């Protein structure tokens, strides 16, 4: 193991709402390699805020399968560390304090709209997976009107998005820019039931945990602009982001449950060797030749983020990985 450089702190943040997919495992592998190749530390944070979808026992299974693949971490729910808690559901006080700061600064306001009302009022198409663009219905309600509506319905809280594009440099894609006002509008930072939204929780937690480098999938690239707005509003240090292409099946479509046998657990139960699974993911990423059998430690010394294949990582779920 390389000696640790405290100035580099990465993280992997699985959600125990579904099995560890090979796409998730491949992101974890790249995040691990990116940090370890530069002598950094890695934290494991379980993102379990979506309570109804969290499945009992899945956290332990995911961590076990990541270790089976040869990945390790320096801090986490199972090993402890100075930046805990390492389960997002146990960090409520931190999230609440951040929301209070946004509200106190006038950067978050109560929203009483239902999803159906937003969909009916919105005219602009939405470019993410969160529904239609918010048209700003509750943005300028008077305090009296807010109080009247709050008596009938508990509000969600939305971030008051400033005009203009949000630009940043991604370590994989280079310069990126998103117009949050045009595509999303004022976004939710806390749900009506008090649970913090992903955008708020992930930004606050990464800053509180000292994360300097975030590597994740391309599907989260558009949300980075919203998180940057939260970092800036709260005066938090911004990590360096790298968004890598997603894993797709042999048909070129993004992996989903219909591909059947592409969870790490199922491959393990079929008798696949961890070196074969890691080799499959490394080959799909352009880091090893087809059919390679390697463990993460074998790839550290020669890893460079620029070497990761630019196109989607194609994995044939119909193929069998022999023991």
C-alpha atoms as a PDB file:
ATOM      1  CA  UNK A   1       0.000   0.000   0.000  1.00  0.00           C
ATOM      2  CA  UNK A   2       1.241   3.469  -0.919  1.00  0.00           C
ATOM      3  CA  UNK A   3       1.901   5.928   1.890  1.00  0.00           C
ATOM      4  CA  UNK A   4      -1.028   8.249   2.498  1.00  0.00           C
ATOM      5  CA  UNK A   5      -1.026  11.895   1.512  1.00  0.00           C
ATOM      6  CA  UNK A   6      -3.549  13.696   3.750  1.00  0.00           C
ATOM      7  CA  UNK A   7      -4.145  16.406   1.162  1.00  0.00           C
ATOM      8  CA  UNK A   8      -5.976  13.878  -1.063  1.00  0.00           C
ATOM      9  CA  UNK A   9      -9.192  12.440   0.349  1.00  0.00           C
ATOM     10  CA  UNK A  10     -11.574  10.515  -1.857  1.00  0.00           C
ATOM     11  CA  UNK A  11     -14.806   8.733  -1.074  1.00  0.00           C
ATOM     12  CA  UNK A  12     -17.183   6.100  -2.324  1.00  0.00           C
ATOM     13  CA  UNK A  13     -20.829   6.433  -1.322  1.00  0.00           C
ATOM     14  CA  UNK A  14     -23.035   3.433  -2.118  1.00  0.00           C
ATOM     15  CA  UNK A  15     -26.744   3.384  -1.366  1.00  0.00           C
ATOM     16  CA  UNK A  16     -28.174   0.242   0.288  1.00  0.00           C
ATOM     17  CA  UNK A  17     -31.318   0.327  -1.833  1.00  0.00           C
ATOM     18  CA  UNK A  18     -30.201  -2.298  -4.352  1.00  0.00           C
ATOM     19  CA  UNK A  19     -27.517  -4.858  -5.023  1.00  0.00           C
ATOM     20  CA  UNK A  20     -23.982  -3.794  -5.914  1.00  0.00           C
ATOM     21  CA  UNK A  21     -24.179  -3.606  -9.688  1.00  0.00           C
ATOM     22  CA  UNK A  22     -21.081  -4.047 -11.816  1.00  0.00           C
ATOM     23  CA  UNK A  23     -21.543  -0.422 -12.889  1.00  0.00           C
ATOM     24  CA  UNK A  24     -21.352   0.686  -9.267  1.00  0.00           C
ATOM     25  CA  UNK A  25     -18.406  -1.641  -8.682  1.00  0.00           C
ATOM     26  CA  UNK A  26     -16.574  -0.204 -11.674  1.00  0.00           C
ATOM     27  CA  UNK A  27     -17.059   3.342 -10.340  1.00  0.00           C
ATOM     28  CA  UNK A  28     -15.771   2.195  -6.937  1.00  0.00           C
ATOM     29  CA  UNK A  29     -12.750   0.607  -8.630  1.00  0.00           C
ATOM     30  CA  UNK A  30     -11.885   3.795 -10.528  1.00  0.00           C
ATOM     31  CA  UNK A  31     -12.412   5.984  -7.450  1.00  0.00           C
ATOM     32  CA  UNK A  32     -10.141   3.665  -5.454  1.00  0.00           C
ATOM     33  CA  UNK A  33      -7.452   3.647  -8.145  1.00  0.00           C
ATOM     34  CA  UNK A  34      -7.609   7.416  -8.601  1.00  0.00           C
ATOM     35  CA  UNK A  35      -7.024   8.046  -4.893  1.00  0.00           C
ATOM     36  CA  UNK A  36      -4.603   5.216  -4.134  1.00  0.00           C
ATOM     37  CA  UNK A  37      -2.423   5.964  -7.175  1.00  0.00           C
ATOM     38  CA  UNK A  38      -1.839   9.441  -5.717  1.00  0.00           C
ATOM     39  CA  UNK A  39      -1.225   8.239  -2.170  1.00  0.00           C
ATOM     40  CA  UNK A  40      -4.553   9.474  -0.811  1.00  0.00           C
ATOM     41  CA  UNK A  41      -7.055   8.249   1.756  1.00  0.00           C
ATOM     42  CA  UNK A  42     -10.457   6.811   0.940  1.00  0.00           C
ATOM     43  CA  UNK A  43     -13.633   7.141   2.994  1.00  0.00           C
ATOM     44  CA  UNK A  44     -16.717   4.946   2.746  1.00  0.00           C
ATOM     45  CA  UNK A  45     -20.012   6.771   3.299  1.00  0.00           C
ATOM     46  CA  UNK A  46     -23.323   4.917   3.153  1.00  0.00           C
ATOM     47  CA  UNK A  47     -26.015   7.102   1.592  1.00  0.00           C
ATOM     48  CA  UNK A  48     -29.140   5.752   3.265  1.00  0.00           C
ATOM     49  CA  UNK A  49     -31.440   8.779   3.415  1.00  0.00           C
ATOM     50  CA  UNK A  50     -34.099   7.147   1.232  1.00  0.00           C
ATOM     51  CA  UNK A  51     -35.486   5.231   4.206  1.00  0.00           C
ATOM     52  CA  UNK A  52     -38.408   3.364   2.571  1.00  0.00           C
ATOM     53  CA  UNK A  53     -36.102   1.928  -0.110  1.00  0.00           C
ATOM     54  CA  UNK A  54     -33.243   0.924   2.204  1.00  0.00           C
ATOM     55  CA  UNK A  55     -33.092  -2.859   2.462  1.00  0.00           C
ATOM     56  CA  UNK A  56     -31.987  -4.472   5.740  1.00  0.00           C
ATOM     57  CA  UNK A  57     -28.666  -6.268   5.513  1.00  0.00           C
ATOM     58  CA  UNK A  58     -27.732  -4.742   2.172  1.00  0.00           C
ATOM     59  CA  UNK A  59     -25.136  -2.351   3.607  1.00  0.00           C
ATOM     60  CA  UNK A  60     -23.113  -5.223   5.063  1.00  0.00           C
ATOM     61  CA  UNK A  61     -23.421  -7.191   1.828  1.00  0.00           C
ATOM     62  CA  UNK A  62     -22.233  -4.286  -0.330  1.00  0.00           C
ATOM     63  CA  UNK A  63     -19.201  -3.656   1.894  1.00  0.00           C
ATOM     64  CA  UNK A  64     -18.380  -7.368   1.887  1.00  0.00           C
ATOM     65  CA  UNK A  65     -18.577  -7.539  -1.903  1.00  0.00           C
ATOM     66  CA  UNK A  66     -16.360  -4.490  -2.327  1.00  0.00           C
ATOM     67  CA  UNK A  67     -13.764  -6.109  -0.079  1.00  0.00           C
ATOM     68  CA  UNK A  68     -14.111  -9.344  -2.040  1.00  0.00           C
ATOM     69  CA  UNK A  69     -13.108  -7.329  -5.113  1.00  0.00           C
ATOM     70  CA  UNK A  70      -9.929  -6.225  -3.324  1.00  0.00           C
ATOM     71  CA  UNK A  71     -11.030  -2.696  -2.415  1.00  0.00           C
ATOM     72  CA  UNK A  72     -10.451  -1.184   1.013  1.00  0.00           C
ATOM     73  CA  UNK A  73     -11.026   2.132   2.770  1.00  0.00           C
ATOM     74  CA  UNK A  74      -9.425   4.065   5.595  1.00  0.00           C
ATOM     75  CA  UNK A  75     -12.623   5.399   7.190  1.00  0.00           C
ATOM     76  CA  UNK A  76     -16.162   4.106   7.177  1.00  0.00           C
ATOM     77  CA  UNK A  77     -19.111   2.749   9.163  1.00  0.00           C
ATOM     78  CA  UNK A  78     -17.341  -0.537   9.812  1.00  0.00           C
ATOM     79  CA  UNK A  79     -13.863   0.848  10.596  1.00  0.00           C
ATOM     80  CA  UNK A  80     -14.635   4.224  12.180  1.00  0.00           C
ATOM     81  CA  UNK A  81     -12.586   7.372  11.723  1.00  0.00           C
ATOM     82  CA  UNK A  82     -12.426  11.042  12.750  1.00  0.00           C
ATOM     83  CA  UNK A  83     -14.948  12.385  10.197  1.00  0.00           C
ATOM     84  CA  UNK A  84     -18.017  10.282  11.076  1.00  0.00           C
ATOM     85  CA  UNK A  85     -20.767   9.342  11.325  1.00  0.00           C
ATOM     86  CA  UNK A  86     -20.311   7.427   8.091  1.00  0.00           C
ATOM     87  CA  UNK A  87     -23.989   6.719   7.509  1.00  0.00           C
ATOM     88  CA  UNK A  88     -25.796   9.681   6.002  1.00  0.00           C
ATOM     89  CA  UNK A  89     -28.917   8.991   8.046  1.00  0.00           C
ATOM     90  CA  UNK A  90     -26.876   9.679  11.192  1.00  0.00           C
ATOM     91  CA  UNK A  91     -25.722  13.099   9.987  1.00  0.00           C
ATOM     92  CA  UNK A  92     -29.074  14.859  10.388  1.00  0.00           C
ATOM     93  CA  UNK A  93     -27.787  17.582  12.717  1.00  0.00           C
ATOM     94  CA  UNK A  94     -25.147  18.593  10.152  1.00  0.00           C
ATOM     95  CA  UNK A  95     -27.733  18.749   7.358  1.00  0.00           C
ATOM     96  CA  UNK A  96     -30.204  20.711   9.510  1.00  0.00           C
ATOM     97  CA  UNK A  97     -27.561  23.286  10.432  1.00  0.00           C
ATOM     98  CA  UNK A  98     -26.711  23.805   6.752  1.00  0.00           C
ATOM     99  CA  UNK A  99     -30.378  24.245   5.852  1.00  0.00           C
ATOM    100  CA  UNK A 100     -30.787  26.767   8.660  1.00  0.00           C
ATOM    101  CA  UNK A 101     -27.866  28.767   7.267  1.00  0.00           C
ATOM    102  CA  UNK A 102     -29.422  28.829   3.801  1.00  0.00           C
ATOM    103  CA  UNK A 103     -32.777  29.897   5.192  1.00  0.00           C
ATOM    104  CA  UNK A 104     -31.198  32.550   7.383  1.00  0.00           C
ATOM    105  CA  UNK A 105     -29.388  34.018   4.389  1.00  0.00           C
ATOM    106  CA  UNK A 106     -32.578  34.055   2.312  1.00  0.00           C
ATOM    107  CA  UNK A 107     -31.113  31.453  -0.053  1.00  0.00           C
ATOM    108  CA  UNK A 108     -33.781  28.821   0.657  1.00  0.00           C
ATOM    109  CA  UNK A 109     -37.512  29.417   0.710  1.00  0.00           C
ATOM    110  CA  UNK A 110     -40.570  27.261   1.517  1.00  0.00           C
ATOM    111  CA  UNK A 111     -42.389  25.632  -1.392  1.00  0.00           C
ATOM    112  CA  UNK A 112     -45.939  24.323  -1.036  1.00  0.00           C
ATOM    113  CA  UNK A 113     -46.371  22.956  -4.567  1.00  0.00           C
ATOM    114  CA  UNK A 114     -47.178  19.318  -5.258  1.00  0.00           C
ATOM    115  CA  UNK A 115     -45.485  17.454  -8.103  1.00  0.00           C
ATOM    116  CA  UNK A 116     -48.699  17.542 -10.080  1.00  0.00           C
ATOM    117  CA  UNK A 117     -49.015  21.311  -9.665  1.00  0.00           C
ATOM    118  CA  UNK A 118     -45.423  21.840 -10.811  1.00  0.00           C
ATOM    119  CA  UNK A 119     -45.926  19.622 -13.850  1.00  0.00           C
ATOM    120  CA  UNK A 120     -49.083  21.498 -14.803  1.00  0.00           C
ATOM    121  CA  UNK A 121     -47.526  24.942 -14.363  1.00  0.00           C
ATOM    122  CA  UNK A 122     -44.190  24.216 -16.027  1.00  0.00           C
ATOM    123  CA  UNK A 123     -43.790  24.866 -19.736  1.00  0.00           C
ATOM    124  CA  UNK A 124     -40.058  24.150 -20.148  1.00  0.00           C
ATOM    125  CA  UNK A 125     -38.748  20.625 -20.646  1.00  0.00           C
ATOM    126  CA  UNK A 126     -36.611  19.214 -17.861  1.00  0.00           C
ATOM    127  CA  UNK A 127     -33.168  17.890 -18.670  1.00  0.00           C
ATOM    128  CA  UNK A 128     -32.661  15.749 -15.567  1.00  0.00           C
ATOM    129  CA  UNK A 129     -34.574  12.915 -13.960  1.00  0.00           C
ATOM    130  CA  UNK A 130     -36.301  14.982 -11.266  1.00  0.00           C
ATOM    131  CA  UNK A 131     -39.430  16.048 -13.122  1.00  0.00           C
ATOM    132  CA  UNK A 132     -40.333  19.313 -14.855  1.00  0.00           C
ATOM    133  CA  UNK A 133     -38.487  22.577 -14.346  1.00  0.00           C
ATOM    134  CA  UNK A 134     -39.744  24.426 -11.279  1.00  0.00           C
ATOM    135  CA  UNK A 135     -41.471  27.627 -12.478  1.00  0.00           C
ATOM    136  CA  UNK A 136     -40.866  29.600  -9.285  1.00  0.00           C
ATOM    137  CA  UNK A 137     -44.453  29.562  -8.048  1.00  0.00           C
ATOM    138  CA  UNK A 138     -43.561  30.018  -4.353  1.00  0.00           C
ATOM    139  CA  UNK A 139     -40.396  32.069  -4.842  1.00  0.00           C
ATOM    140  CA  UNK A 140     -41.824  35.449  -3.907  1.00  0.00           C
ATOM    141  CA  UNK A 141     -44.669  34.623  -1.537  1.00  0.00           C
ATOM    142  CA  UNK A 142     -45.136  37.083   1.290  1.00  0.00           C
ATOM    143  CA  UNK A 143     -44.481  35.940   4.835  1.00  0.00           C
ATOM    144  CA  UNK A 144     -48.197  36.089   5.526  1.00  0.00           C
ATOM    145  CA  UNK A 145     -49.014  33.877   2.563  1.00  0.00           C
ATOM    146  CA  UNK A 146     -46.256  31.457   3.557  1.00  0.00           C
ATOM    147  CA  UNK A 147     -47.777  31.183   7.032  1.00  0.00           C
ATOM    148  CA  UNK A 148     -51.277  30.589   5.630  1.00  0.00           C
ATOM    149  CA  UNK A 149     -50.078  27.828   3.314  1.00  0.00           C
ATOM    150  CA  UNK A 150     -47.914  26.253   6.014  1.00  0.00           C
ATOM    151  CA  UNK A 151     -51.022  25.832   8.152  1.00  0.00           C
ATOM    152  CA  UNK A 152     -52.442  23.572   5.441  1.00  0.00           C
ATOM    153  CA  UNK A 153     -49.376  21.782   4.091  1.00  0.00           C
ATOM    154  CA  UNK A 154     -45.796  21.394   5.375  1.00  0.00           C
ATOM    155  CA  UNK A 155     -43.401  22.902   2.851  1.00  0.00           C
ATOM    156  CA  UNK A 156     -40.395  21.588   1.053  1.00  0.00           C
ATOM    157  CA  UNK A 157     -37.460  24.009   0.861  1.00  0.00           C
ATOM    158  CA  UNK A 158     -35.974  25.187  -2.422  1.00  0.00           C
ATOM    159  CA  UNK A 159     -32.639  26.821  -3.176  1.00  0.00           C
ATOM    160  CA  UNK A 160     -32.908  30.262  -4.723  1.00  0.00           C
ATOM    161  CA  UNK A 161     -30.830  29.758  -7.876  1.00  0.00           C
ATOM    162  CA  UNK A 162     -29.023  32.871  -9.158  1.00  0.00           C
ATOM    163  CA  UNK A 163     -29.105  33.813 -12.822  1.00  0.00           C
ATOM    164  CA  UNK A 164     -26.287  32.797 -15.109  1.00  0.00           C
ATOM    165  CA  UNK A 165     -24.467  29.584 -15.985  1.00  0.00           C
ATOM    166  CA  UNK A 166     -22.516  27.545 -13.449  1.00  0.00           C
ATOM    167  CA  UNK A 167     -19.101  26.635 -14.849  1.00  0.00           C
ATOM    168  CA  UNK A 168     -16.458  24.287 -13.509  1.00  0.00           C
ATOM    169  CA  UNK A 169     -13.558  22.171 -14.692  1.00  0.00           C
ATOM    170  CA  UNK A 170     -14.095  18.421 -14.584  1.00  0.00           C
ATOM    171  CA  UNK A 171     -10.910  16.339 -14.330  1.00  0.00           C
ATOM    172  CA  UNK A 172     -12.186  13.964 -17.016  1.00  0.00           C
ATOM    173  CA  UNK A 173     -14.316  16.149 -19.310  1.00  0.00           C
ATOM    174  CA  UNK A 174     -12.562  19.481 -18.971  1.00  0.00           C
ATOM    175  CA  UNK A 175     -14.577  22.704 -18.940  1.00  0.00           C
ATOM    176  CA  UNK A 176     -18.303  22.245 -18.229  1.00  0.00           C
ATOM    177  CA  UNK A 177     -21.148  24.721 -17.914  1.00  0.00           C
ATOM    178  CA  UNK A 178     -24.812  24.284 -16.963  1.00  0.00           C
ATOM    179  CA  UNK A 179     -27.671  26.763 -16.839  1.00  0.00           C
ATOM    180  CA  UNK A 180     -29.491  25.604 -13.716  1.00  0.00           C
ATOM    181  CA  UNK A 181     -32.188  28.287 -14.024  1.00  0.00           C
ATOM    182  CA  UNK A 182     -33.162  27.154 -17.527  1.00  0.00           C
ATOM    183  CA  UNK A 183     -33.017  23.411 -16.964  1.00  0.00           C
ATOM    184  CA  UNK A 184     -34.046  22.815 -13.349  1.00  0.00           C
ATOM    185  CA  UNK A 185     -34.967  26.093 -11.726  1.00  0.00           C
ATOM    186  CA  UNK A 186     -34.971  26.485  -7.961  1.00  0.00           C
ATOM    187  CA  UNK A 187     -34.266  22.949  -6.738  1.00  0.00           C
ATOM    188  CA  UNK A 188     -35.330  21.181  -3.555  1.00  0.00           C
ATOM    189  CA  UNK A 189     -32.805  21.079  -0.714  1.00  0.00           C
ATOM    190  CA  UNK A 190     -35.140  19.561   1.897  1.00  0.00           C
ATOM    191  CA  UNK A 191     -38.309  17.561   1.454  1.00  0.00           C
ATOM    192  CA  UNK A 192     -41.571  18.342   3.218  1.00  0.00           C
ATOM    193  CA  UNK A 193     -40.945  15.467   5.636  1.00  0.00           C
ATOM    194  CA  UNK A 194     -37.695  17.116   6.751  1.00  0.00           C
ATOM    195  CA  UNK A 195     -35.329  14.742   4.943  1.00  0.00           C
ATOM    196  CA  UNK A 196     -32.521  16.656   3.188  1.00  0.00           C
ATOM    197  CA  UNK A 197     -32.374  16.298  -0.573  1.00  0.00           C
ATOM    198  CA  UNK A 198     -29.390  14.589  -2.170  1.00  0.00           C
ATOM    199  CA  UNK A 199     -27.921  17.836  -3.494  1.00  0.00           C
ATOM    200  CA  UNK A 200     -27.684  19.379  -0.031  1.00  0.00           C
ATOM    201  CA  UNK A 201     -26.644  16.269   1.890  1.00  0.00           C
ATOM    202  CA  UNK A 202     -23.869  15.213  -0.476  1.00  0.00           C
ATOM    203  CA  UNK A 203     -22.300  18.681  -0.660  1.00  0.00           C
ATOM    204  CA  UNK A 204     -22.435  19.240   3.097  1.00  0.00           C
ATOM    205  CA  UNK A 205     -21.149  15.753   3.895  1.00  0.00           C
ATOM    206  CA  UNK A 206     -18.274  15.864   1.417  1.00  0.00           C
ATOM    207  CA  UNK A 207     -17.139  19.190   2.878  1.00  0.00           C
ATOM    208  CA  UNK A 208     -17.507  18.043   6.489  1.00  0.00           C
ATOM    209  CA  UNK A 209     -15.589  14.860   5.734  1.00  0.00           C
ATOM    210  CA  UNK A 210     -12.762  16.757   4.083  1.00  0.00           C
ATOM    211  CA  UNK A 211     -13.276  15.150   0.674  1.00  0.00           C
ATOM    212  CA  UNK A 212     -10.973  16.733  -1.894  1.00  0.00           C
ATOM    213  CA  UNK A 213     -11.659  14.465  -4.886  1.00  0.00           C
ATOM    214  CA  UNK A 214     -14.922  12.983  -6.131  1.00  0.00           C
ATOM    215  CA  UNK A 215     -15.015  10.429  -8.943  1.00  0.00           C
ATOM    216  CA  UNK A 216     -18.456   9.250 -10.001  1.00  0.00           C
ATOM    217  CA  UNK A 217     -20.556   8.370 -13.052  1.00  0.00           C
ATOM    218  CA  UNK A 218     -21.515  10.628 -15.933  1.00  0.00           C
ATOM    219  CA  UNK A 219     -25.164  10.485 -14.911  1.00  0.00           C
ATOM    220  CA  UNK A 220     -24.348  12.828 -12.023  1.00  0.00           C
ATOM    221  CA  UNK A 221     -22.494  15.414 -14.125  1.00  0.00           C
ATOM    222  CA  UNK A 222     -25.493  17.782 -14.510  1.00  0.00           C
ATOM    223  CA  UNK A 223     -26.170  17.733 -10.755  1.00  0.00           C
ATOM    224  CA  UNK A 224     -22.655  19.020 -10.050  1.00  0.00           C
ATOM    225  CA  UNK A 225     -23.712  22.552 -10.924  1.00  0.00           C
ATOM    226  CA  UNK A 226     -26.400  22.488  -8.225  1.00  0.00           C
ATOM    227  CA  UNK A 227     -23.951  21.174  -5.659  1.00  0.00           C
ATOM    228  CA  UNK A 228     -21.472  23.907  -6.575  1.00  0.00           C
ATOM    229  CA  UNK A 229     -24.148  26.497  -5.839  1.00  0.00           C
ATOM    230  CA  UNK A 230     -24.584  24.985  -2.371  1.00  0.00           C
ATOM    231  CA  UNK A 231     -20.835  24.877  -1.729  1.00  0.00           C
ATOM    232  CA  UNK A 232     -20.544  28.522  -2.669  1.00  0.00           C
ATOM    233  CA  UNK A 233     -23.608  29.632  -0.712  1.00  0.00           C
ATOM    234  CA  UNK A 234     -22.298  27.978   2.453  1.00  0.00           C
ATOM    235  CA  UNK A 235     -18.686  29.012   1.917  1.00  0.00           C
ATOM    236  CA  UNK A 236     -17.521  25.382   1.735  1.00  0.00           C
ATOM    237  CA  UNK A 237     -14.392  24.091  -0.017  1.00  0.00           C
ATOM    238  CA  UNK A 238     -15.193  22.555  -3.394  1.00  0.00           C
ATOM    239  CA  UNK A 239     -13.712  19.142  -4.262  1.00  0.00           C
ATOM    240  CA  UNK A 240     -12.238  18.315  -7.640  1.00  0.00           C
ATOM    241  CA  UNK A 241     -14.788  16.345  -9.694  1.00  0.00           C
ATOM    242  CA  UNK A 242     -14.221  13.631 -12.275  1.00  0.00           C
ATOM    243  CA  UNK A 243     -17.198  12.071 -14.057  1.00  0.00           C
ATOM    244  CA  UNK A 244     -16.502   8.863 -15.948  1.00  0.00           C
ATOM    245  CA  UNK A 245     -18.565   7.195 -18.707  1.00  0.00           C
ATOM    246  CA  UNK A 246     -21.210   4.743 -17.576  1.00  0.00           C
ATOM    247  CA  UNK A 247     -21.178   0.980 -18.019  1.00  0.00           C
ATOM    248  CA  UNK A 248     -23.494  -0.310 -20.740  1.00  0.00           C
ATOM    249  CA  UNK A 249     -24.590  -3.780 -21.770  1.00  0.00           C
ATOM    250  CA  UNK A 250     -23.784  -5.591 -25.006  1.00  0.00           C
ATOM    251  CA  UNK A 251     -26.780  -3.826 -26.577  1.00  0.00           C
ATOM    252  CA  UNK A 252     -25.275  -0.434 -25.833  1.00  0.00           C
ATOM    253  CA  UNK A 253     -27.981   0.466 -23.335  1.00  0.00           C
ATOM    254  CA  UNK A 254     -27.226   1.585 -19.797  1.00  0.00           C
ATOM    255  CA  UNK A 255     -27.149  -1.398 -17.471  1.00  0.00           C
ATOM    256  CA  UNK A 256     -30.397  -2.138 -15.678  1.00  0.00           C
ATOM    257  CA  UNK A 257     -32.092  -5.023 -13.923  1.00  0.00           C
ATOM    258  CA  UNK A 258     -33.130  -6.437 -17.289  1.00  0.00           C
ATOM    259  CA  UNK A 259     -29.505  -7.412 -17.881  1.00  0.00           C
ATOM    260  CA  UNK A 260     -30.050  -9.950 -15.157  1.00  0.00           C
ATOM    261  CA  UNK A 261     -26.750 -11.360 -14.056  1.00  0.00           C
ATOM    262  CA  UNK A 262     -24.702  -8.222 -13.615  1.00  0.00           C
ATOM    263  CA  UNK A 263     -24.691  -7.788  -9.865  1.00  0.00           C
ATOM    264  CA  UNK A 264     -21.406  -8.564  -8.163  1.00  0.00           C
ATOM    265  CA  UNK A 265     -23.191 -10.892  -5.763  1.00  0.00           C
ATOM    266  CA  UNK A 266     -24.646 -12.989  -8.561  1.00  0.00           C
ATOM    267  CA  UNK A 267     -21.299 -13.248 -10.335  1.00  0.00           C
ATOM    268  CA  UNK A 268     -19.735 -14.318  -7.040  1.00  0.00           C
ATOM    269  CA  UNK A 269     -22.435 -16.935  -6.478  1.00  0.00           C
ATOM    270  CA  UNK A 270     -21.807 -18.283  -9.972  1.00  0.00           C
ATOM    271  CA  UNK A 271     -18.236 -18.985  -8.935  1.00  0.00           C
ATOM    272  CA  UNK A 272     -16.499 -16.061 -10.589  1.00  0.00           C
ATOM    273  CA  UNK A 273     -13.085 -15.223  -9.201  1.00  0.00           C
ATOM    274  CA  UNK A 274     -12.643 -11.649  -7.979  1.00  0.00           C
ATOM    275  CA  UNK A 275      -9.641 -11.219 -10.290  1.00  0.00           C
ATOM    276  CA  UNK A 276     -11.861 -12.148 -13.241  1.00  0.00           C
ATOM    277  CA  UNK A 277     -14.534  -9.601 -12.268  1.00  0.00           C
ATOM    278  CA  UNK A 278     -11.960  -6.851 -11.710  1.00  0.00           C
ATOM    279  CA  UNK A 279     -10.322  -7.812 -14.982  1.00  0.00           C
ATOM    280  CA  UNK A 280     -13.661  -7.508 -16.784  1.00  0.00           C
ATOM    281  CA  UNK A 281     -14.223  -4.024 -15.368  1.00  0.00           C
ATOM    282  CA  UNK A 282     -10.648  -2.943 -16.029  1.00  0.00           C
ATOM    283  CA  UNK A 283     -10.797  -4.177 -19.623  1.00  0.00           C
ATOM    284  CA  UNK A 284     -14.107  -2.393 -20.219  1.00  0.00           C
ATOM    285  CA  UNK A 285     -12.450   0.795 -18.958  1.00  0.00           C
ATOM    286  CA  UNK A 286      -9.403   0.447 -21.206  1.00  0.00           C
ATOM    287  CA  UNK A 287      -7.070  -0.334 -18.298  1.00  0.00           C
ATOM    288  CA  UNK A 288      -6.373  -4.002 -19.059  1.00  0.00           C
ATOM    289  CA  UNK A 289      -6.525  -6.333 -22.075  1.00  0.00           C
ATOM    290  CA  UNK A 290      -9.651  -8.447 -22.648  1.00  0.00           C
ATOM    291  CA  UNK A 291      -9.699 -11.553 -20.484  1.00  0.00           C
ATOM    292  CA  UNK A 292      -7.233 -10.138 -17.971  1.00  0.00           C
ATOM    293  CA  UNK A 293      -7.249 -11.400 -14.395  1.00  0.00           C
ATOM    294  CA  UNK A 294      -6.080  -8.645 -12.123  1.00  0.00           C
ATOM    295  CA  UNK A 295      -6.768  -7.253  -8.683  1.00  0.00           C
ATOM    296  CA  UNK A 296      -6.995  -3.532  -7.895  1.00  0.00           C
ATOM    297  CA  UNK A 297      -3.532  -3.526  -6.316  1.00  0.00           C
ATOM    298  CA  UNK A 298      -2.111  -4.716  -9.655  1.00  0.00           C
ATOM    299  CA  UNK A 299      -3.442  -1.610 -11.405  1.00  0.00           C
ATOM    300  CA  UNK A 300      -2.396   1.121  -8.955  1.00  0.00           C
ATOM    301  CA  UNK A 301       1.126   1.864 -10.143  1.00  0.00           C
ATOM    302  CA  UNK A 302       0.184   2.428 -13.774  1.00  0.00           C
ATOM    303  CA  UNK A 303      -3.172   4.111 -13.278  1.00  0.00           C
ATOM    304  CA  UNK A 304      -3.851   7.445 -14.945  1.00  0.00           C
ATOM    305  CA  UNK A 305      -7.323   8.944 -15.152  1.00  0.00           C
ATOM    306  CA  UNK A 306      -6.588  10.071 -18.720  1.00  0.00           C
ATOM    307  CA  UNK A 307      -6.176   6.426 -19.717  1.00  0.00           C
ATOM    308  CA  UNK A 308      -9.793   5.549 -18.895  1.00  0.00           C
ATOM    309  CA  UNK A 309     -11.724   4.852 -22.096  1.00  0.00           C
ATOM    310  CA  UNK A 310     -13.688   7.895 -23.257  1.00  0.00           C
ATOM    311  CA  UNK A 311     -16.718   6.008 -24.502  1.00  0.00           C
ATOM    312  CA  UNK A 312     -19.156   3.917 -22.452  1.00  0.00           C
ATOM    313  CA  UNK A 313     -17.642   0.855 -20.787  1.00  0.00           C
ATOM    314  CA  UNK A 314     -19.295  -2.089 -22.531  1.00  0.00           C
ATOM    315  CA  UNK A 315     -19.865  -5.276 -20.523  1.00  0.00           C
ATOM    316  CA  UNK A 316     -21.590  -8.346 -21.946  1.00  0.00           C
ATOM    317  CA  UNK A 317     -23.909  -9.615 -19.232  1.00  0.00           C
ATOM    318  CA  UNK A 318     -24.621 -12.804 -21.150  1.00  0.00           C
ATOM    319  CA  UNK A 319     -21.048 -13.980 -20.941  1.00  0.00           C
ATOM    320  CA  UNK A 320     -19.939 -16.240 -18.133  1.00  0.00           C
ATOM    321  CA  UNK A 321     -16.902 -15.429 -16.043  1.00  0.00           C
ATOM    322  CA  UNK A 322     -15.285 -18.734 -15.193  1.00  0.00           C
ATOM    323  CA  UNK A 323     -13.958 -19.401 -11.695  1.00  0.00           C
END
